[in-house]
Amino acid sequence: MRFPIENIKLSLADIQKGLKLPESPSEMLAEETGWHLGDGSMNVYKNRDKERGFYQLRGHRVDDRAHYFKRIKPFFKELYNIDVHIREMPATGVLGFQIWNDALVEFKHNCLGLPLGWKREVQIPDWIIGDKSYFFAFLRGLFDTDGCVYLEKKGGSLYPRLEIGTADKKFAEEIHGTAQGYGLNLRIRCQIRKEQNWNNLYNLRLNGKSSFFKWKEYIGTANPKHQEKMNKWENQRKKSGPAEI
């Protein structure tokens, strides 16, 4: 598969800065797409009397700091030759970056199949869903931006649970069905949220030891906050012996 990047016009500034657009799919691009559907958004807005593409990626200003600086920043440099400026945004309590760039937004929308505006009725892009390695990389990106690791106490030991949350039921069902097809036993749990104007949350869960090790082998995580908890559980398991959890 090849993306039709020749149809995207680069500005003089893009050319001077050496912006590059990936010509074909890759695991890196799939992981970065997972970040977008987790923490990202983009649209076209009026800026200085001109319609311009705007892209942003934002996470927790404390918990996700290491992930943004150690993983996301170098990824954008390698994928697009863009030096992103990661900063805290005090008004919203987040950390991330924002870019005005028509070519990048057009590439993500027209080539990668990502939505403009509010992320409603999101779908996994076709170029990802039919390839196991791309899908697992995509899941890693989504997990590292929209996921959590929980360690619950059961019988004196810690019990691992990995979870990804989304307010989009169809998106959750698509992830669930695709993961099942690739041998990953995710479960969906609907969290009813009674707060005014809050949508229900659909949590994709992976419970227990065998599922934990399957996730670690095929998908993993690059977010240090997840790595710390996963390592904590493994270290506890080694100390307590090989008993089933």
C-alpha atoms as a PDB file:
ATOM      1  CA  MET A   1       0.000   0.000   0.000  1.00  0.00           C
ATOM      2  CA  ARG A   2       1.145   3.502  -0.795  1.00  0.00           C
ATOM      3  CA  PHE A   3      -0.379   6.785   0.408  1.00  0.00           C
ATOM      4  CA  PRO A   4      -1.106   9.388  -2.337  1.00  0.00           C
ATOM      5  CA  ILE A   5       1.117  12.046  -0.777  1.00  0.00           C
ATOM      6  CA  GLU A   6       1.826  13.563  -4.197  1.00  0.00           C
ATOM      7  CA  ASN A   7      -1.659  15.091  -4.005  1.00  0.00           C
ATOM      8  CA  ILE A   8      -0.709  17.100  -0.917  1.00  0.00           C
ATOM      9  CA  LYS A   9       0.763  20.516  -1.586  1.00  0.00           C
ATOM     10  CA  LEU A  10       3.614  21.547   0.700  1.00  0.00           C
ATOM     11  CA  SER A  11       4.024  25.197   1.576  1.00  0.00           C
ATOM     12  CA  LEU A  12       7.327  26.998   1.081  1.00  0.00           C
ATOM     13  CA  ALA A  13       7.838  26.822   4.854  1.00  0.00           C
ATOM     14  CA  ASP A  14       7.209  23.042   4.783  1.00  0.00           C
ATOM     15  CA  ILE A  15       9.834  22.619   2.070  1.00  0.00           C
ATOM     16  CA  GLN A  16      12.355  24.817   3.854  1.00  0.00           C
ATOM     17  CA  LYS A  17      11.881  22.958   7.141  1.00  0.00           C
ATOM     18  CA  GLY A  18      12.072  19.570   5.424  1.00  0.00           C
ATOM     19  CA  LEU A  19       8.600  18.309   6.301  1.00  0.00           C
ATOM     20  CA  LYS A  20       8.219  14.708   5.209  1.00  0.00           C
ATOM     21  CA  LEU A  21       5.033  12.710   4.852  1.00  0.00           C
ATOM     22  CA  PRO A  22       5.225   8.886   5.118  1.00  0.00           C
ATOM     23  CA  GLU A  23       4.690   7.205   1.752  1.00  0.00           C
ATOM     24  CA  SER A  24       3.507   3.888   3.183  1.00  0.00           C
ATOM     25  CA  PRO A  25       2.170   2.322   6.400  1.00  0.00           C
ATOM     26  CA  SER A  26       4.482   1.291   9.216  1.00  0.00           C
ATOM     27  CA  GLU A  27       4.242   0.196  12.842  1.00  0.00           C
ATOM     28  CA  MET A  28       5.535   3.617  13.902  1.00  0.00           C
ATOM     29  CA  LEU A  29       2.772   5.337  11.966  1.00  0.00           C
ATOM     30  CA  ALA A  30       0.172   2.944  13.415  1.00  0.00           C
ATOM     31  CA  GLU A  31       1.329   3.678  16.970  1.00  0.00           C
ATOM     32  CA  GLU A  32       1.228   7.413  16.299  1.00  0.00           C
ATOM     33  CA  THR A  33      -2.290   7.010  14.912  1.00  0.00           C
ATOM     34  CA  GLY A  34      -3.256   5.356  18.198  1.00  0.00           C
ATOM     35  CA  TRP A  35      -1.963   8.437  20.034  1.00  0.00           C
ATOM     36  CA  HIS A  36      -4.133  10.632  17.850  1.00  0.00           C
ATOM     37  CA  LEU A  37      -7.316   8.685  18.562  1.00  0.00           C
ATOM     38  CA  GLY A  38      -6.410   8.797  22.241  1.00  0.00           C
ATOM     39  CA  ASP A  39      -5.082  12.290  22.970  1.00  0.00           C
ATOM     40  CA  GLY A  40      -5.164  14.063  19.608  1.00  0.00           C
ATOM     41  CA  SER A  41      -7.505  16.274  17.632  1.00  0.00           C
ATOM     42  CA  MET A  42      -7.375  18.336  14.457  1.00  0.00           C
ATOM     43  CA  ASN A  43      -9.514  20.607  12.345  1.00  0.00           C
ATOM     44  CA  VAL A  44      -9.424  23.499   9.899  1.00  0.00           C
ATOM     45  CA  TYR A  45      -9.861  26.957  11.401  1.00  0.00           C
ATOM     46  CA  LYS A  46      -9.627  30.548  10.256  1.00  0.00           C
ATOM     47  CA  ASN A  47      -6.246  31.995  11.171  1.00  0.00           C
ATOM     48  CA  ARG A  48      -5.303  35.491   9.999  1.00  0.00           C
ATOM     49  CA  ASP A  49      -8.136  35.535   7.466  1.00  0.00           C
ATOM     50  CA  LYS A  50      -7.082  32.194   6.011  1.00  0.00           C
ATOM     51  CA  GLU A  51      -8.323  28.639   6.518  1.00  0.00           C
ATOM     52  CA  ARG A  52      -5.531  26.617   8.087  1.00  0.00           C
ATOM     53  CA  GLY A  53      -5.041  23.115   9.421  1.00  0.00           C
ATOM     54  CA  PHE A  54      -4.539  22.830  13.178  1.00  0.00           C
ATOM     55  CA  TYR A  55      -3.279  19.709  14.985  1.00  0.00           C
ATOM     56  CA  GLN A  56      -2.773  19.107  18.707  1.00  0.00           C
ATOM     57  CA  LEU A  57      -1.795  16.273  21.024  1.00  0.00           C
ATOM     58  CA  ARG A  58      -2.241  16.685  24.775  1.00  0.00           C
ATOM     59  CA  GLY A  59      -1.921  14.483  27.864  1.00  0.00           C
ATOM     60  CA  HIS A  60      -1.700  14.725  31.647  1.00  0.00           C
ATOM     61  CA  ARG A  61       0.842  17.380  32.571  1.00  0.00           C
ATOM     62  CA  VAL A  62       2.488  15.185  35.240  1.00  0.00           C
ATOM     63  CA  ASP A  63       1.729  11.517  34.506  1.00  0.00           C
ATOM     64  CA  ASP A  64       2.435  11.713  30.762  1.00  0.00           C
ATOM     65  CA  ARG A  65       5.425  14.066  30.812  1.00  0.00           C
ATOM     66  CA  ALA A  66       8.058  11.360  30.339  1.00  0.00           C
ATOM     67  CA  HIS A  67       6.060   9.708  27.546  1.00  0.00           C
ATOM     68  CA  TYR A  68       5.756  12.964  25.631  1.00  0.00           C
ATOM     69  CA  PHE A  69       9.427  13.878  25.935  1.00  0.00           C
ATOM     70  CA  LYS A  70      10.978  10.409  25.593  1.00  0.00           C
ATOM     71  CA  ARG A  71       8.651   8.806  23.026  1.00  0.00           C
ATOM     72  CA  ILE A  72       6.351  11.232  21.284  1.00  0.00           C
ATOM     73  CA  LYS A  73       8.808  14.065  20.605  1.00  0.00           C
ATOM     74  CA  PRO A  74      11.443  11.845  18.870  1.00  0.00           C
ATOM     75  CA  PHE A  75       8.675   9.965  16.994  1.00  0.00           C
ATOM     76  CA  PHE A  76       7.437  13.161  15.360  1.00  0.00           C
ATOM     77  CA  LYS A  77      10.974  14.053  14.388  1.00  0.00           C
ATOM     78  CA  GLU A  78      11.553  10.663  12.754  1.00  0.00           C
ATOM     79  CA  LEU A  79       8.136  10.338  11.094  1.00  0.00           C
ATOM     80  CA  TYR A  80       7.578  13.897   9.884  1.00  0.00           C
ATOM     81  CA  ASN A  81      10.866  15.715  10.578  1.00  0.00           C
ATOM     82  CA  ILE A  82       8.915  18.024  12.886  1.00  0.00           C
ATOM     83  CA  ASP A  83      10.522  19.367  16.067  1.00  0.00           C
ATOM     84  CA  VAL A  84       7.484  19.595  18.323  1.00  0.00           C
ATOM     85  CA  HIS A  85       7.580  22.092  21.175  1.00  0.00           C
ATOM     86  CA  ILE A  86       6.101  20.342  24.202  1.00  0.00           C
ATOM     87  CA  ARG A  87       4.830  22.684  26.868  1.00  0.00           C
ATOM     88  CA  GLU A  88       2.411  22.894  29.766  1.00  0.00           C
ATOM     89  CA  MET A  89      -0.949  24.546  29.147  1.00  0.00           C
ATOM     90  CA  PRO A  90      -1.971  25.949  32.566  1.00  0.00           C
ATOM     91  CA  ALA A  91      -5.477  26.967  31.503  1.00  0.00           C
ATOM     92  CA  THR A  92      -6.446  23.326  30.871  1.00  0.00           C
ATOM     93  CA  GLY A  93      -3.930  21.551  33.115  1.00  0.00           C
ATOM     94  CA  VAL A  94      -2.435  19.499  30.289  1.00  0.00           C
ATOM     95  CA  LEU A  95       0.906  19.061  28.563  1.00  0.00           C
ATOM     96  CA  GLY A  96       1.468  18.671  24.836  1.00  0.00           C
ATOM     97  CA  PHE A  97       1.924  20.582  21.610  1.00  0.00           C
ATOM     98  CA  GLN A  98      -0.013  22.379  18.893  1.00  0.00           C
ATOM     99  CA  ILE A  99       0.856  22.801  15.215  1.00  0.00           C
ATOM    100  CA  TRP A 100      -0.592  24.958  12.453  1.00  0.00           C
ATOM    101  CA  ASN A 101       0.164  22.923   9.340  1.00  0.00           C
ATOM    102  CA  ASP A 102      -2.133  22.334   6.353  1.00  0.00           C
ATOM    103  CA  ALA A 103      -0.134  19.463   4.863  1.00  0.00           C
ATOM    104  CA  LEU A 104       0.038  17.470   8.100  1.00  0.00           C
ATOM    105  CA  VAL A 105      -3.705  17.781   8.714  1.00  0.00           C
ATOM    106  CA  GLU A 106      -4.525  16.915   5.095  1.00  0.00           C
ATOM    107  CA  PHE A 107      -2.259  13.860   5.271  1.00  0.00           C
ATOM    108  CA  LYS A 108      -3.828  12.618   8.484  1.00  0.00           C
ATOM    109  CA  HIS A 109      -7.356  13.204   7.231  1.00  0.00           C
ATOM    110  CA  ASN A 110      -7.153  12.134   3.562  1.00  0.00           C
ATOM    111  CA  CYS A 111      -4.415   9.484   3.709  1.00  0.00           C
ATOM    112  CA  LEU A 112      -4.660   8.023   7.202  1.00  0.00           C
ATOM    113  CA  GLY A 113      -8.457   8.313   7.450  1.00  0.00           C
ATOM    114  CA  LEU A 114      -8.602  10.315  10.695  1.00  0.00           C
ATOM    115  CA  PRO A 115     -11.550  12.618  11.441  1.00  0.00           C
ATOM    116  CA  LEU A 116     -11.633  16.387  11.538  1.00  0.00           C
ATOM    117  CA  GLY A 117     -13.289  18.047  14.510  1.00  0.00           C
ATOM    118  CA  TRP A 118     -14.932  16.228  17.391  1.00  0.00           C
ATOM    119  CA  LYS A 119     -13.989  12.543  17.421  1.00  0.00           C
ATOM    120  CA  ARG A 120     -17.435  10.991  17.111  1.00  0.00           C
ATOM    121  CA  GLU A 121     -18.142   7.688  15.402  1.00  0.00           C
ATOM    122  CA  VAL A 122     -14.414   6.985  15.176  1.00  0.00           C
ATOM    123  CA  GLN A 123     -13.195   3.981  13.221  1.00  0.00           C
ATOM    124  CA  ILE A 124      -9.899   2.150  13.073  1.00  0.00           C
ATOM    125  CA  PRO A 125      -8.362   3.093   9.690  1.00  0.00           C
ATOM    126  CA  ASP A 126      -8.595   0.326   7.079  1.00  0.00           C
ATOM    127  CA  TRP A 127      -4.827   0.198   6.574  1.00  0.00           C
ATOM    128  CA  ILE A 128      -4.458  -0.733  10.260  1.00  0.00           C
ATOM    129  CA  ILE A 129      -7.369  -3.067  10.901  1.00  0.00           C
ATOM    130  CA  GLY A 130      -6.314  -5.662   8.314  1.00  0.00           C
ATOM    131  CA  ASP A 131      -2.721  -6.017   9.521  1.00  0.00           C
ATOM    132  CA  LYS A 132      -1.951  -7.690  12.855  1.00  0.00           C
ATOM    133  CA  SER A 133       1.365  -5.909  13.484  1.00  0.00           C
ATOM    134  CA  TYR A 134      -0.138  -2.509  12.661  1.00  0.00           C
ATOM    135  CA  PHE A 135      -3.179  -3.199  14.832  1.00  0.00           C
ATOM    136  CA  PHE A 136      -1.043  -4.164  17.821  1.00  0.00           C
ATOM    137  CA  ALA A 137       1.118  -1.049  17.358  1.00  0.00           C
ATOM    138  CA  PHE A 138      -2.073   1.019  17.125  1.00  0.00           C
ATOM    139  CA  LEU A 139      -3.352  -0.548  20.363  1.00  0.00           C
ATOM    140  CA  ARG A 140      -0.068   0.304  22.079  1.00  0.00           C
ATOM    141  CA  GLY A 141      -0.439   3.944  21.034  1.00  0.00           C
ATOM    142  CA  LEU A 142      -4.069   4.071  22.153  1.00  0.00           C
ATOM    143  CA  PHE A 143      -3.248   2.372  25.460  1.00  0.00           C
ATOM    144  CA  ASP A 144      -0.341   4.724  26.133  1.00  0.00           C
ATOM    145  CA  THR A 145      -2.587   7.777  25.767  1.00  0.00           C
ATOM    146  CA  ASP A 146      -6.064   6.586  26.817  1.00  0.00           C
ATOM    147  CA  GLY A 147      -5.251   3.531  28.920  1.00  0.00           C
ATOM    148  CA  CYS A 148      -4.635   2.628  32.560  1.00  0.00           C
ATOM    149  CA  VAL A 149      -2.946  -0.131  34.558  1.00  0.00           C
ATOM    150  CA  TYR A 150      -4.690  -1.189  37.751  1.00  0.00           C
ATOM    151  CA  LEU A 151      -3.195  -3.423  40.427  1.00  0.00           C
ATOM    152  CA  GLU A 152      -5.984  -4.771  42.627  1.00  0.00           C
ATOM    153  CA  LYS A 153      -5.385  -6.620  45.872  1.00  0.00           C
ATOM    154  CA  LYS A 154      -6.826 -10.129  45.819  1.00  0.00           C
ATOM    155  CA  GLY A 155      -5.938 -12.851  48.319  1.00  0.00           C
ATOM    156  CA  GLY A 156      -2.909 -10.961  49.559  1.00  0.00           C
ATOM    157  CA  SER A 157      -1.487 -10.477  46.074  1.00  0.00           C
ATOM    158  CA  LEU A 158      -1.770  -7.864  43.354  1.00  0.00           C
ATOM    159  CA  TYR A 159      -3.986  -8.702  40.390  1.00  0.00           C
ATOM    160  CA  PRO A 160      -3.266  -6.871  37.100  1.00  0.00           C
ATOM    161  CA  ARG A 161      -5.881  -5.229  34.912  1.00  0.00           C
ATOM    162  CA  LEU A 162      -5.190  -3.258  31.748  1.00  0.00           C
ATOM    163  CA  GLU A 163      -7.900  -0.928  30.515  1.00  0.00           C
ATOM    164  CA  ILE A 164      -8.657   1.455  27.644  1.00  0.00           C
ATOM    165  CA  GLY A 165     -11.645   3.780  27.909  1.00  0.00           C
ATOM    166  CA  THR A 166     -13.686   5.425  25.173  1.00  0.00           C
ATOM    167  CA  ALA A 167     -17.066   7.163  25.010  1.00  0.00           C
ATOM    168  CA  ASP A 168     -17.640   5.753  21.507  1.00  0.00           C
ATOM    169  CA  LYS A 169     -19.500   2.427  21.754  1.00  0.00           C
ATOM    170  CA  LYS A 170     -18.961   1.449  18.099  1.00  0.00           C
ATOM    171  CA  PHE A 171     -15.246   2.197  18.360  1.00  0.00           C
ATOM    172  CA  ALA A 172     -15.004   0.021  21.477  1.00  0.00           C
ATOM    173  CA  GLU A 173     -16.857  -2.801  19.710  1.00  0.00           C
ATOM    174  CA  GLU A 174     -14.587  -2.525  16.664  1.00  0.00           C
ATOM    175  CA  ILE A 175     -11.465  -2.735  18.828  1.00  0.00           C
ATOM    176  CA  HIS A 176     -12.982  -5.661  20.741  1.00  0.00           C
ATOM    177  CA  GLY A 177     -13.899  -7.615  17.612  1.00  0.00           C
ATOM    178  CA  THR A 178     -10.554  -7.032  15.918  1.00  0.00           C
ATOM    179  CA  ALA A 179      -8.613  -7.943  19.058  1.00  0.00           C
ATOM    180  CA  GLN A 180     -10.632 -11.155  19.440  1.00  0.00           C
ATOM    181  CA  GLY A 181      -9.807 -12.048  15.850  1.00  0.00           C
ATOM    182  CA  TYR A 182      -6.113 -11.676  16.633  1.00  0.00           C
ATOM    183  CA  GLY A 183      -6.333 -13.809  19.790  1.00  0.00           C
ATOM    184  CA  LEU A 184      -6.521 -11.043  22.386  1.00  0.00           C
ATOM    185  CA  ASN A 185      -9.345 -11.576  24.864  1.00  0.00           C
ATOM    186  CA  LEU A 186     -10.505  -8.035  25.637  1.00  0.00           C
ATOM    187  CA  ARG A 187     -13.801  -7.525  27.445  1.00  0.00           C
ATOM    188  CA  ILE A 188     -16.124  -4.532  27.240  1.00  0.00           C
ATOM    189  CA  ARG A 189     -17.689  -3.020  30.340  1.00  0.00           C
ATOM    190  CA  CYS A 190     -20.068  -0.062  30.131  1.00  0.00           C
ATOM    191  CA  GLN A 191     -19.625   2.516  32.871  1.00  0.00           C
ATOM    192  CA  ILE A 192     -22.848   4.479  33.361  1.00  0.00           C
ATOM    193  CA  ARG A 193     -21.993   8.095  34.137  1.00  0.00           C
ATOM    194  CA  LYS A 194     -24.835  10.013  35.734  1.00  0.00           C
ATOM    195  CA  GLU A 195     -23.173  13.433  35.664  1.00  0.00           C
ATOM    196  CA  GLN A 196     -25.034  15.929  33.501  1.00  0.00           C
ATOM    197  CA  ASN A 197     -23.856  15.991  29.874  1.00  0.00           C
ATOM    198  CA  TRP A 198     -21.364  13.148  30.455  1.00  0.00           C
ATOM    199  CA  ASN A 199     -21.430  10.236  28.006  1.00  0.00           C
ATOM    200  CA  ASN A 200     -21.225   6.647  29.182  1.00  0.00           C
ATOM    201  CA  LEU A 201     -17.726   5.187  29.108  1.00  0.00           C
ATOM    202  CA  TYR A 202     -16.909   1.880  27.428  1.00  0.00           C
ATOM    203  CA  ASN A 203     -13.924   0.218  29.059  1.00  0.00           C
ATOM    204  CA  LEU A 204     -11.954  -2.428  27.181  1.00  0.00           C
ATOM    205  CA  ARG A 205     -10.405  -4.662  29.825  1.00  0.00           C
ATOM    206  CA  LEU A 206      -7.723  -7.302  29.956  1.00  0.00           C
ATOM    207  CA  ASN A 207      -7.604  -9.241  33.231  1.00  0.00           C
ATOM    208  CA  GLY A 208      -5.199 -11.705  34.789  1.00  0.00           C
ATOM    209  CA  LYS A 209      -1.746 -13.184  34.434  1.00  0.00           C
ATOM    210  CA  SER A 210      -1.976 -14.969  31.067  1.00  0.00           C
ATOM    211  CA  SER A 211      -3.603 -11.974  29.372  1.00  0.00           C
ATOM    212  CA  PHE A 212      -1.018  -9.665  30.943  1.00  0.00           C
ATOM    213  CA  PHE A 213       1.877 -11.633  29.462  1.00  0.00           C
ATOM    214  CA  LYS A 214       0.202 -11.884  26.068  1.00  0.00           C
ATOM    215  CA  TRP A 215      -0.237  -8.094  26.027  1.00  0.00           C
ATOM    216  CA  LYS A 216       3.357  -7.567  27.091  1.00  0.00           C
ATOM    217  CA  GLU A 217       4.696  -9.916  24.394  1.00  0.00           C
ATOM    218  CA  TYR A 218       2.659  -8.655  21.442  1.00  0.00           C
ATOM    219  CA  ILE A 219       1.764  -5.066  22.308  1.00  0.00           C
ATOM    220  CA  GLY A 220       3.619  -3.736  25.321  1.00  0.00           C
ATOM    221  CA  THR A 221       3.790  -0.123  26.407  1.00  0.00           C
ATOM    222  CA  ALA A 222       6.169   2.777  25.868  1.00  0.00           C
ATOM    223  CA  ASN A 223       4.618   5.012  28.522  1.00  0.00           C
ATOM    224  CA  PRO A 224       6.797   5.044  31.675  1.00  0.00           C
ATOM    225  CA  LYS A 225       3.780   5.402  33.972  1.00  0.00           C
ATOM    226  CA  HIS A 226       2.415   2.076  32.640  1.00  0.00           C
ATOM    227  CA  GLN A 227       5.839   0.436  32.640  1.00  0.00           C
ATOM    228  CA  GLU A 228       6.305   1.271  36.321  1.00  0.00           C
ATOM    229  CA  LYS A 229       3.077  -0.440  37.382  1.00  0.00           C
ATOM    230  CA  MET A 230       3.598  -3.445  35.114  1.00  0.00           C
ATOM    231  CA  ASN A 231       7.126  -3.910  36.467  1.00  0.00           C
ATOM    232  CA  LYS A 232       5.799  -3.599  40.020  1.00  0.00           C
ATOM    233  CA  TRP A 233       3.391  -6.485  39.437  1.00  0.00           C
ATOM    234  CA  GLU A 234       6.056  -8.663  37.822  1.00  0.00           C
ATOM    235  CA  ASN A 235       8.488  -8.025  40.677  1.00  0.00           C
ATOM    236  CA  GLN A 236       5.799  -8.901  43.217  1.00  0.00           C
ATOM    237  CA  ARG A 237       5.018 -12.105  41.342  1.00  0.00           C
ATOM    238  CA  LYS A 238       8.682 -13.156  41.299  1.00  0.00           C
ATOM    239  CA  LYS A 239       8.938 -12.640  45.052  1.00  0.00           C
ATOM    240  CA  SER A 240       5.718 -14.536  45.818  1.00  0.00           C
ATOM    241  CA  GLY A 241       6.478 -17.484  43.523  1.00  0.00           C
ATOM    242  CA  PRO A 242       4.852 -18.925  40.390  1.00  0.00           C
ATOM    243  CA  ALA A 243       1.346 -19.347  41.830  1.00  0.00           C
ATOM    244  CA  GLU A 244      -1.508 -18.439  39.533  1.00  0.00           C
ATOM    245  CA  ILE A 245      -3.014 -14.963  39.968  1.00  0.00           C
END
